[in-house]
């Protein structure tokens, strides 16, 4: 792993934890991990989960923002989107 989660550098120090995991799941982790240690496999899985959760939070915040817009703001947003679409089409036609 490159030592980064969500674009921030993680400190070098690690914390040892103990978790209880379903035996069948652990066998699959071991099988799929290849040359990775269990710690590396779990760290990668947790980092991916954190990124997905962060993205989901951002998606919800964006959706909440757009749902909060009034009619005039929706029209303005549509106008900006149309302008962007037009600029892209012109770029492709060149």
PDB file of N, CA and C in Angstrom:
ATOM      1  N   UNK A   1       0.839  -1.171   0.000  1.00  0.00           N
ATOM      2  CA  UNK A   1       0.000   0.000   0.000  1.00  0.00           C
ATOM      3  C   UNK A   1       0.879   1.227   0.000  1.00  0.00           C
ATOM      4  N   UNK A   2       0.410   2.329  -0.563  1.00  0.00           N
ATOM      5  CA  UNK A   2       1.270   3.501  -0.694  1.00  0.00           C
ATOM      6  C   UNK A   2       1.222   4.420   0.522  1.00  0.00           C
ATOM      7  N   UNK A   3       0.554   4.021   1.607  1.00  0.00           N
ATOM      8  CA  UNK A   3       0.537   4.841   2.812  1.00  0.00           C
ATOM      9  C   UNK A   3      -0.417   5.998   2.754  1.00  0.00           C
ATOM     10  N   UNK A   4      -1.386   5.958   1.849  1.00  0.00           N
ATOM     11  CA  UNK A   4      -2.318   7.077   1.727  1.00  0.00           C
ATOM     12  C   UNK A   4      -3.753   6.577   1.838  1.00  0.00           C
ATOM     13  N   UNK A   5      -4.557   7.338   2.549  1.00  0.00           N
ATOM     14  CA  UNK A   5      -5.994   7.094   2.618  1.00  0.00           C
ATOM     15  C   UNK A   5      -6.666   8.431   2.378  1.00  0.00           C
ATOM     16  N   UNK A   6      -7.599   8.452   1.429  1.00  0.00           N
ATOM     17  CA  UNK A   6      -8.345   9.672   1.108  1.00  0.00           C
ATOM     18  C   UNK A   6      -7.431  10.844   0.802  1.00  0.00           C
ATOM     19  N   UNK A   7      -6.300  10.577   0.184  1.00  0.00           N
ATOM     20  CA  UNK A   7      -5.421  11.656  -0.243  1.00  0.00           C
ATOM     21  C   UNK A   7      -4.519  12.196   0.858  1.00  0.00           C
ATOM     22  N   UNK A   8      -4.623  11.690   2.076  1.00  0.00           N
ATOM     23  CA  UNK A   8      -3.785  12.163   3.176  1.00  0.00           C
ATOM     24  C   UNK A   8      -2.748  11.095   3.501  1.00  0.00           C
ATOM     25  N   UNK A   9      -1.544  11.529   3.808  1.00  0.00           N
ATOM     26  CA  UNK A   9      -0.503  10.579   4.166  1.00  0.00           C
ATOM     27  C   UNK A   9      -0.766  10.065   5.575  1.00  0.00           C
ATOM     28  N   UNK A  10      -0.699   8.750   5.707  1.00  0.00           N
ATOM     29  CA  UNK A  10      -0.890   8.141   7.023  1.00  0.00           C
ATOM     30  C   UNK A  10       0.421   8.157   7.777  1.00  0.00           C
ATOM     31  N   UNK A  11       0.356   8.286   9.101  1.00  0.00           N
ATOM     32  CA  UNK A  11       1.594   8.186   9.879  1.00  0.00           C
ATOM     33  C   UNK A  11       2.172   6.783   9.765  1.00  0.00           C
ATOM     34  N   UNK A  12       3.486   6.678   9.927  1.00  0.00           N
ATOM     35  CA  UNK A  12       4.165   5.398   9.782  1.00  0.00           C
ATOM     36  C   UNK A  12       3.767   4.410  10.874  1.00  0.00           C
ATOM     37  N   UNK A  13       3.407   4.905  12.055  1.00  0.00           N
ATOM     38  CA  UNK A  13       3.076   4.017  13.170  1.00  0.00           C
ATOM     39  C   UNK A  13       1.786   3.265  12.883  1.00  0.00           C
ATOM     40  N   UNK A  14       1.761   2.021  13.248  1.00  0.00           N
ATOM     41  CA  UNK A  14       0.583   1.179  13.070  1.00  0.00           C
ATOM     42  C   UNK A  14       0.052   0.826  14.449  1.00  0.00           C
ATOM     43  N   UNK A  15      -1.230   0.526  14.504  1.00  0.00           N
ATOM     44  CA  UNK A  15      -1.862   0.089  15.750  1.00  0.00           C
ATOM     45  C   UNK A  15      -2.308  -1.343  15.582  1.00  0.00           C
ATOM     46  N   UNK A  16      -1.947  -2.177  16.514  1.00  0.00           N
ATOM     47  CA  UNK A  16      -2.338  -3.581  16.471  1.00  0.00           C
ATOM     48  C   UNK A  16      -3.759  -3.683  17.024  1.00  0.00           C
ATOM     49  N   UNK A  17      -4.612  -4.413  16.281  1.00  0.00           N
ATOM     50  CA  UNK A  17      -5.985  -4.635  16.713  1.00  0.00           C
ATOM     51  C   UNK A  17      -6.294  -6.124  16.637  1.00  0.00           C
ATOM     52  N   UNK A  18      -7.313  -6.502  17.354  1.00  0.00           N
ATOM     53  CA  UNK A  18      -7.773  -7.884  17.304  1.00  0.00           C
ATOM     54  C   UNK A  18      -9.234  -7.849  16.859  1.00  0.00           C
ATOM     55  N   UNK A  19      -9.554  -8.636  15.848  1.00  0.00           N
ATOM     56  CA  UNK A  19     -10.925  -8.679  15.346  1.00  0.00           C
ATOM     57  C   UNK A  19     -11.366 -10.129  15.226  1.00  0.00           C
ATOM     58  N   UNK A  20     -12.658 -10.321  15.294  1.00  0.00           N
ATOM     59  CA  UNK A  20     -13.227 -11.644  15.099  1.00  0.00           C
ATOM     60  C   UNK A  20     -13.855 -11.678  13.713  1.00  0.00           C
ATOM     61  N   UNK A  21     -13.451 -12.654  12.908  1.00  0.00           N
ATOM     62  CA  UNK A  21     -13.880 -12.726  11.509  1.00  0.00           C
ATOM     63  C   UNK A  21     -14.416 -14.130  11.232  1.00  0.00           C
ATOM     64  N   UNK A  22     -15.448 -14.196  10.443  1.00  0.00           N
ATOM     65  CA  UNK A  22     -16.008 -15.468  10.022  1.00  0.00           C
ATOM     66  C   UNK A  22     -14.909 -16.330   9.396  1.00  0.00           C
ATOM     67  N   UNK A  23     -14.835 -17.583   9.775  1.00  0.00           N
ATOM     68  CA  UNK A  23     -13.787 -18.493   9.313  1.00  0.00           C
ATOM     69  C   UNK A  23     -13.773 -18.625   7.785  1.00  0.00           C
ATOM     70  N   UNK A  24     -14.953 -18.739   7.188  1.00  0.00           N
ATOM     71  CA  UNK A  24     -15.032 -18.876   5.726  1.00  0.00           C
ATOM     72  C   UNK A  24     -14.517 -17.607   5.046  1.00  0.00           C
ATOM     73  N   UNK A  25     -14.888 -16.450   5.584  1.00  0.00           N
ATOM     74  CA  UNK A  25     -14.395 -15.186   5.029  1.00  0.00           C
ATOM     75  C   UNK A  25     -12.881 -15.107   5.143  1.00  0.00           C
ATOM     76  N   UNK A  26     -12.341 -15.495   6.272  1.00  0.00           N
ATOM     77  CA  UNK A  26     -10.893 -15.439   6.456  1.00  0.00           C
ATOM     78  C   UNK A  26     -10.170 -16.360   5.478  1.00  0.00           C
ATOM     79  N   UNK A  27     -10.733 -17.541   5.218  1.00  0.00           N
ATOM     80  CA  UNK A  27     -10.121 -18.431   4.220  1.00  0.00           C
ATOM     81  C   UNK A  27     -10.094 -17.764   2.841  1.00  0.00           C
ATOM     82  N   UNK A  28     -11.176 -17.066   2.492  1.00  0.00           N
ATOM     83  CA  UNK A  28     -11.219 -16.356   1.206  1.00  0.00           C
ATOM     84  C   UNK A  28     -10.199 -15.223   1.172  1.00  0.00           C
ATOM     85  N   UNK A  29     -10.062 -14.499   2.273  1.00  0.00           N
ATOM     86  CA  UNK A  29      -9.045 -13.440   2.349  1.00  0.00           C
ATOM     87  C   UNK A  29      -7.667 -14.044   2.115  1.00  0.00           C
ATOM     88  N   UNK A  30      -7.371 -15.117   2.814  1.00  0.00           N
ATOM     89  CA  UNK A  30      -6.065 -15.766   2.655  1.00  0.00           C
ATOM     90  C   UNK A  30      -5.854 -16.227   1.214  1.00  0.00           C
ATOM     91  N   UNK A  31      -6.881 -16.786   0.608  1.00  0.00           N
ATOM     92  CA  UNK A  31      -6.769 -17.281  -0.766  1.00  0.00           C
ATOM     93  C   UNK A  31      -6.535 -16.136  -1.749  1.00  0.00           C
ATOM     94  N   UNK A  32      -7.253 -15.050  -1.563  1.00  0.00           N
ATOM     95  CA  UNK A  32      -7.183 -13.936  -2.506  1.00  0.00           C
ATOM     96  C   UNK A  32      -6.002 -12.996  -2.259  1.00  0.00           C
ATOM     97  N   UNK A  33      -5.454 -13.023  -1.075  1.00  0.00           N
ATOM     98  CA  UNK A  33      -4.399 -12.074  -0.705  1.00  0.00           C
ATOM     99  C   UNK A  33      -3.101 -12.307  -1.457  1.00  0.00           C
ATOM    100  N   UNK A  34      -2.906 -13.499  -1.965  1.00  0.00           N
ATOM    101  CA  UNK A  34      -1.652 -13.769  -2.672  1.00  0.00           C
ATOM    102  C   UNK A  34      -0.474 -13.620  -1.741  1.00  0.00           C
ATOM    103  N   UNK A  35       0.468 -12.753  -2.105  1.00  0.00           N
ATOM    104  CA  UNK A  35       1.669 -12.587  -1.292  1.00  0.00           C
ATOM    105  C   UNK A  35       1.478 -11.566  -0.159  1.00  0.00           C
ATOM    106  N   UNK A  36       0.312 -10.944  -0.099  1.00  0.00           N
ATOM    107  CA  UNK A  36       0.060  -9.983   0.978  1.00  0.00           C
ATOM    108  C   UNK A  36      -0.115 -10.708   2.306  1.00  0.00           C
ATOM    109  N   UNK A  37       0.285 -10.033   3.358  1.00  0.00           N
ATOM    110  CA  UNK A  37      -0.015 -10.560   4.694  1.00  0.00           C
ATOM    111  C   UNK A  37      -1.483 -10.271   4.991  1.00  0.00           C
ATOM    112  N   UNK A  38      -2.012 -10.930   6.007  1.00  0.00           N
ATOM    113  CA  UNK A  38      -3.391 -10.630   6.419  1.00  0.00           C
ATOM    114  C   UNK A  38      -3.526  -9.161   6.788  1.00  0.00           C
ATOM    115  N   UNK A  39      -2.539  -8.640   7.490  1.00  0.00           N
ATOM    116  CA  UNK A  39      -2.594  -7.226   7.878  1.00  0.00           C
ATOM    117  C   UNK A  39      -2.685  -6.328   6.653  1.00  0.00           C
ATOM    118  N   UNK A  40      -1.880  -6.608   5.636  1.00  0.00           N
ATOM    119  CA  UNK A  40      -1.924  -5.806   4.413  1.00  0.00           C
ATOM    120  C   UNK A  40      -3.280  -5.934   3.730  1.00  0.00           C
ATOM    121  N   UNK A  41      -3.803  -7.155   3.671  1.00  0.00           N
ATOM    122  CA  UNK A  41      -5.097  -7.375   3.026  1.00  0.00           C
ATOM    123  C   UNK A  41      -6.201  -6.616   3.755  1.00  0.00           C
ATOM    124  N   UNK A  42      -6.218  -6.708   5.081  1.00  0.00           N
ATOM    125  CA  UNK A  42      -7.248  -6.013   5.844  1.00  0.00           C
ATOM    126  C   UNK A  42      -7.071  -4.497   5.759  1.00  0.00           C
ATOM    127  N   UNK A  43      -5.837  -4.026   5.773  1.00  0.00           N
ATOM    128  CA  UNK A  43      -5.594  -2.587   5.666  1.00  0.00           C
ATOM    129  C   UNK A  43      -6.082  -2.055   4.315  1.00  0.00           C
ATOM    130  N   UNK A  44      -5.787  -2.778   3.253  1.00  0.00           N
ATOM    131  CA  UNK A  44      -6.281  -2.367   1.924  1.00  0.00           C
ATOM    132  C   UNK A  44      -7.797  -2.386   1.862  1.00  0.00           C
ATOM    133  N   UNK A  45      -8.395  -3.432   2.417  1.00  0.00           N
ATOM    134  CA  UNK A  45      -9.859  -3.525   2.410  1.00  0.00           C
ATOM    135  C   UNK A  45     -10.483  -2.387   3.212  1.00  0.00           C
ATOM    136  N   UNK A  46      -9.909  -2.078   4.364  1.00  0.00           N
ATOM    137  CA  UNK A  46     -10.439  -0.983   5.179  1.00  0.00           C
ATOM    138  C   UNK A  46     -10.251   0.367   4.492  1.00  0.00           C
ATOM    139  N   UNK A  47      -9.110   0.558   3.852  1.00  0.00           N
ATOM    140  CA  UNK A  47      -8.868   1.820   3.134  1.00  0.00           C
ATOM    141  C   UNK A  47      -9.874   1.991   1.999  1.00  0.00           C
ATOM    142  N   UNK A  48     -10.156   0.918   1.272  1.00  0.00           N
ATOM    143  CA  UNK A  48     -11.144   0.988   0.190  1.00  0.00           C
ATOM    144  C   UNK A  48     -12.524   1.282   0.746  1.00  0.00           C
ATOM    145  N   UNK A  49     -12.862   0.678   1.876  1.00  0.00           N
ATOM    146  CA  UNK A  49     -14.160   0.916   2.515  1.00  0.00           C
ATOM    147  C   UNK A  49     -14.285   2.370   2.945  1.00  0.00           C
ATOM    148  N   UNK A  50     -13.213   2.912   3.530  1.00  0.00           N
ATOM    149  CA  UNK A  50     -13.220   4.319   3.958  1.00  0.00           C
ATOM    150  C   UNK A  50     -13.403   5.242   2.749  1.00  0.00           C
ATOM    151  N   UNK A  51     -12.702   4.952   1.647  1.00  0.00           N
ATOM    152  CA  UNK A  51     -12.854   5.777   0.432  1.00  0.00           C
ATOM    153  C   UNK A  51     -14.282   5.718  -0.088  1.00  0.00           C
ATOM    154  N   UNK A  52     -14.868   4.498  -0.143  1.00  0.00           N
ATOM    155  CA  UNK A  52     -16.251   4.360  -0.619  1.00  0.00           C
ATOM    156  C   UNK A  52     -17.224   5.111   0.278  1.00  0.00           C
ATOM    157  N   UNK A  53     -17.026   4.998   1.587  1.00  0.00           N
ATOM    158  CA  UNK A  53     -17.924   5.704   2.518  1.00  0.00           C
ATOM    159  C   UNK A  53     -17.781   7.210   2.361  1.00  0.00           C
ATOM    160  N   UNK A  54     -16.559   7.679   2.200  1.00  0.00           N
ATOM    161  CA  UNK A  54     -16.334   9.106   1.988  1.00  0.00           C
ATOM    162  C   UNK A  54     -16.993   9.588   0.708  1.00  0.00           C
ATOM    163  N   UNK A  55     -16.883   8.797  -0.355  1.00  0.00           N
ATOM    164  CA  UNK A  55     -17.520   9.152  -1.626  1.00  0.00           C
ATOM    165  C   UNK A  55     -19.032   9.144  -1.476  1.00  0.00           C
ATOM    166  N   UNK A  56     -19.563   8.178  -0.750  1.00  0.00           N
ATOM    167  CA  UNK A  56     -21.013   8.109  -0.533  1.00  0.00           C
ATOM    168  C   UNK A  56     -21.493   9.326   0.247  1.00  0.00           C
ATOM    169  N   UNK A  57     -20.720   9.765   1.239  1.00  0.00           N
ATOM    170  CA  UNK A  57     -21.082  10.972   1.994  1.00  0.00           C
ATOM    171  C   UNK A  57     -21.083  12.195   1.082  1.00  0.00           C
ATOM    172  N   UNK A  58     -20.070  12.300   0.230  1.00  0.00           N
ATOM    173  CA  UNK A  58     -19.999  13.411  -0.706  1.00  0.00           C
ATOM    174  C   UNK A  58     -21.179  13.378  -1.675  1.00  0.00           C
ATOM    175  N   UNK A  59     -21.493  12.192  -2.201  1.00  0.00           N
ATOM    176  CA  UNK A  59     -22.635  12.052  -3.114  1.00  0.00           C
ATOM    177  C   UNK A  59     -23.927  12.497  -2.448  1.00  0.00           C
ATOM    178  N   UNK A  60     -24.123  12.093  -1.172  1.00  0.00           N
ATOM    179  CA  UNK A  60     -25.332  12.507  -0.442  1.00  0.00           C
ATOM    180  C   UNK A  60     -25.370  14.013  -0.246  1.00  0.00           C
ATOM    181  N   UNK A  61     -24.229  14.611   0.077  1.00  0.00           N
ATOM    182  CA  UNK A  61     -24.172  16.057   0.283  1.00  0.00           C
ATOM    183  C   UNK A  61     -24.498  16.802  -1.009  1.00  0.00           C
ATOM    184  N   UNK A  62     -23.975  16.318  -2.133  1.00  0.00           N
ATOM    185  CA  UNK A  62     -24.269  16.942  -3.426  1.00  0.00           C
ATOM    186  C   UNK A  62     -25.746  16.802  -3.746  1.00  0.00           C
ATOM    187  N   UNK A  63     -26.305  15.616  -3.524  1.00  0.00           N
ATOM    188  CA  UNK A  63     -27.732  15.405  -3.782  1.00  0.00           C
ATOM    189  C   UNK A  63     -28.576  16.311  -2.889  1.00  0.00           C
ATOM    190  N   UNK A  64     -28.222  16.403  -1.615  1.00  0.00           N
ATOM    191  CA  UNK A  64     -28.957  17.286  -0.699  1.00  0.00           C
ATOM    192  C   UNK A  64     -28.906  18.732  -1.179  1.00  0.00           C
ATOM    193  N   UNK A  65     -27.735  19.155  -1.640  1.00  0.00           N
ATOM    194  CA  UNK A  65     -27.590  20.525  -2.143  1.00  0.00           C
ATOM    195  C   UNK A  65     -28.528  20.765  -3.322  1.00  0.00           C
ATOM    196  N   UNK A  66     -28.494  19.871  -4.302  1.00  0.00           N
ATOM    197  CA  UNK A  66     -29.331  20.067  -5.486  1.00  0.00           C
ATOM    198  C   UNK A  66     -30.814  19.977  -5.151  1.00  0.00           C
ATOM    199  N   UNK A  67     -31.162  19.129  -4.198  1.00  0.00           N
ATOM    200  CA  UNK A  67     -32.570  19.052  -3.781  1.00  0.00           C
ATOM    201  C   UNK A  67     -33.019  20.321  -3.069  1.00  0.00           C
ATOM    202  N   UNK A  68     -32.072  21.046  -2.477  1.00  0.00           N
ATOM    203  CA  UNK A  68     -32.421  22.259  -1.734  1.00  0.00           C
ATOM    204  C   UNK A  68     -32.576  23.482  -2.633  1.00  0.00           C
ATOM    205  N   UNK A  69     -32.182  23.374  -3.899  1.00  0.00           N
ATOM    206  CA  UNK A  69     -32.245  24.534  -4.795  1.00  0.00           C
ATOM    207  C   UNK A  69     -33.687  24.926  -5.104  1.00  0.00           C
ATOM    208  N   UNK A  70     -33.894  26.208  -5.232  1.00  0.00           N
ATOM    209  CA  UNK A  70     -35.191  26.709  -5.658  1.00  0.00           C
ATOM    210  C   UNK A  70     -35.310  26.640  -7.175  1.00  0.00           C
ATOM    211  N   UNK A  71     -36.479  26.999  -7.685  1.00  0.00           N
ATOM    212  CA  UNK A  71     -36.749  26.917  -9.126  1.00  0.00           C
ATOM    213  C   UNK A  71     -35.764  27.768  -9.931  1.00  0.00           C
ATOM    214  N   UNK A  72     -35.507  28.988  -9.483  1.00  0.00           N
ATOM    215  CA  UNK A  72     -34.592  29.874 -10.218  1.00  0.00           C
ATOM    216  C   UNK A  72     -33.181  29.283 -10.244  1.00  0.00           C
ATOM    217  N   UNK A  73     -32.759  28.694  -9.123  1.00  0.00           N
ATOM    218  CA  UNK A  73     -31.428  28.101  -9.067  1.00  0.00           C
ATOM    219  C   UNK A  73     -31.341  26.859  -9.951  1.00  0.00           C
ATOM    220  N   UNK A  74     -32.432  26.086 -10.031  1.00  0.00           N
ATOM    221  CA  UNK A  74     -32.458  24.932 -10.935  1.00  0.00           C
ATOM    222  C   UNK A  74     -32.314  25.382 -12.387  1.00  0.00           C
ATOM    223  N   UNK A  75     -33.017  26.446 -12.758  1.00  0.00           N
ATOM    224  CA  UNK A  75     -32.909  26.964 -14.133  1.00  0.00           C
ATOM    225  C   UNK A  75     -31.481  27.430 -14.419  1.00  0.00           C
ATOM    226  N   UNK A  76     -30.888  28.140 -13.475  1.00  0.00           N
ATOM    227  CA  UNK A  76     -29.522  28.612 -13.668  1.00  0.00           C
ATOM    228  C   UNK A  76     -28.568  27.425 -13.830  1.00  0.00           C
ATOM    229  N   UNK A  77     -28.737  26.390 -13.014  1.00  0.00           N
ATOM    230  CA  UNK A  77     -27.896  25.200 -13.116  1.00  0.00           C
ATOM    231  C   UNK A  77     -28.070  24.536 -14.481  1.00  0.00           C
ATOM    232  N   UNK A  78     -29.314  24.437 -14.952  1.00  0.00           N
ATOM    233  CA  UNK A  78     -29.570  23.850 -16.271  1.00  0.00           C
ATOM    234  C   UNK A  78     -28.935  24.682 -17.371  1.00  0.00           C
ATOM    235  N   UNK A  79     -28.985  26.015 -17.232  1.00  0.00           N
ATOM    236  CA  UNK A  79     -28.353  26.887 -18.228  1.00  0.00           C
ATOM    237  C   UNK A  79     -26.844  26.652 -18.277  1.00  0.00           C
ATOM    238  N   UNK A  80     -26.206  26.539 -17.102  1.00  0.00           N
ATOM    239  CA  UNK A  80     -24.766  26.285 -17.067  1.00  0.00           C
ATOM    240  C   UNK A  80     -24.444  24.927 -17.668  1.00  0.00           C
ATOM    241  N   UNK A  81     -25.265  23.925 -17.366  1.00  0.00           N
ATOM    242  CA  UNK A  81     -25.039  22.586 -17.922  1.00  0.00           C
ATOM    243  C   UNK A  81     -25.171  22.606 -19.438  1.00  0.00           C
ATOM    244  N   UNK A  82     -26.161  23.317 -19.956  1.00  0.00           N
ATOM    245  CA  UNK A  82     -26.343  23.418 -21.405  1.00  0.00           C
ATOM    246  C   UNK A  82     -25.152  24.102 -22.058  1.00  0.00           C
ATOM    247  N   UNK A  83     -24.652  25.138 -21.397  1.00  0.00           N
ATOM    248  CA  UNK A  83     -23.489  25.844 -21.924  1.00  0.00           C
ATOM    249  C   UNK A  83     -22.281  24.899 -21.987  1.00  0.00           C
ATOM    250  N   UNK A  84     -22.101  24.098 -20.957  1.00  0.00           N
ATOM    251  CA  UNK A  84     -21.009  23.136 -20.955  1.00  0.00           C
ATOM    252  C   UNK A  84     -21.178  22.090 -22.041  1.00  0.00           C
ATOM    253  N   UNK A  85     -22.412  21.593 -22.206  1.00  0.00           N
ATOM    254  CA  UNK A  85     -22.684  20.613 -23.266  1.00  0.00           C
ATOM    255  C   UNK A  85     -22.362  21.193 -24.636  1.00  0.00           C
ATOM    256  N   UNK A  86     -22.744  22.434 -24.836  1.00  0.00           N
ATOM    257  CA  UNK A  86     -22.498  23.097 -26.123  1.00  0.00           C
ATOM    258  C   UNK A  86     -20.996  23.246 -26.376  1.00  0.00           C
ATOM    259  N   UNK A  87     -20.252  23.608 -25.354  1.00  0.00           N
ATOM    260  CA  UNK A  87     -18.803  23.769 -25.499  1.00  0.00           C
ATOM    261  C   UNK A  87     -18.148  22.426 -25.841  1.00  0.00           C
ATOM    262  N   UNK A  88     -18.608  21.350 -25.225  1.00  0.00           N
ATOM    263  CA  UNK A  88     -18.050  20.024 -25.520  1.00  0.00           C
ATOM    264  C   UNK A  88     -18.359  19.635 -26.961  1.00  0.00           C
ATOM    265  N   UNK A  89     -19.605  19.859 -27.385  1.00  0.00           N
ATOM    266  CA  UNK A  89     -19.969  19.512 -28.769  1.00  0.00           C
ATOM    267  C   UNK A  89     -19.126  20.292 -29.766  1.00  0.00           C
ATOM    268  N   UNK A  90     -18.895  21.571 -29.502  1.00  0.00           N
ATOM    269  CA  UNK A  90     -18.070  22.374 -30.405  1.00  0.00           C
ATOM    270  C   UNK A  90     -16.648  21.828 -30.444  1.00  0.00           C
ATOM    271  N   UNK A  91     -16.129  21.396 -29.312  1.00  0.00           N
ATOM    272  CA  UNK A  91     -14.785  20.837 -29.254  1.00  0.00           C
ATOM    273  C   UNK A  91     -14.673  19.556 -30.059  1.00  0.00           C
ATOM    274  N   UNK A  92     -15.707  18.726 -30.030  1.00  0.00           N
ATOM    275  CA  UNK A  92     -15.687  17.477 -30.793  1.00  0.00           C
ATOM    276  C   UNK A  92     -15.817  17.722 -32.283  1.00  0.00           C
ATOM    277  N   UNK A  93     -16.511  18.780 -32.663  1.00  0.00           N
ATOM    278  CA  UNK A  93     -16.733  19.074 -34.072  1.00  0.00           C
ATOM    279  C   UNK A  93     -15.497  19.671 -34.730  1.00  0.00           C
ATOM    280  N   UNK A  94     -14.567  20.146 -33.958  1.00  0.00           N
ATOM    281  CA  UNK A  94     -13.370  20.809 -34.540  1.00  0.00           C
ATOM    282  C   UNK A  94     -12.395  19.813 -35.093  1.00  0.00           C
TER     283      UNK A  94
END
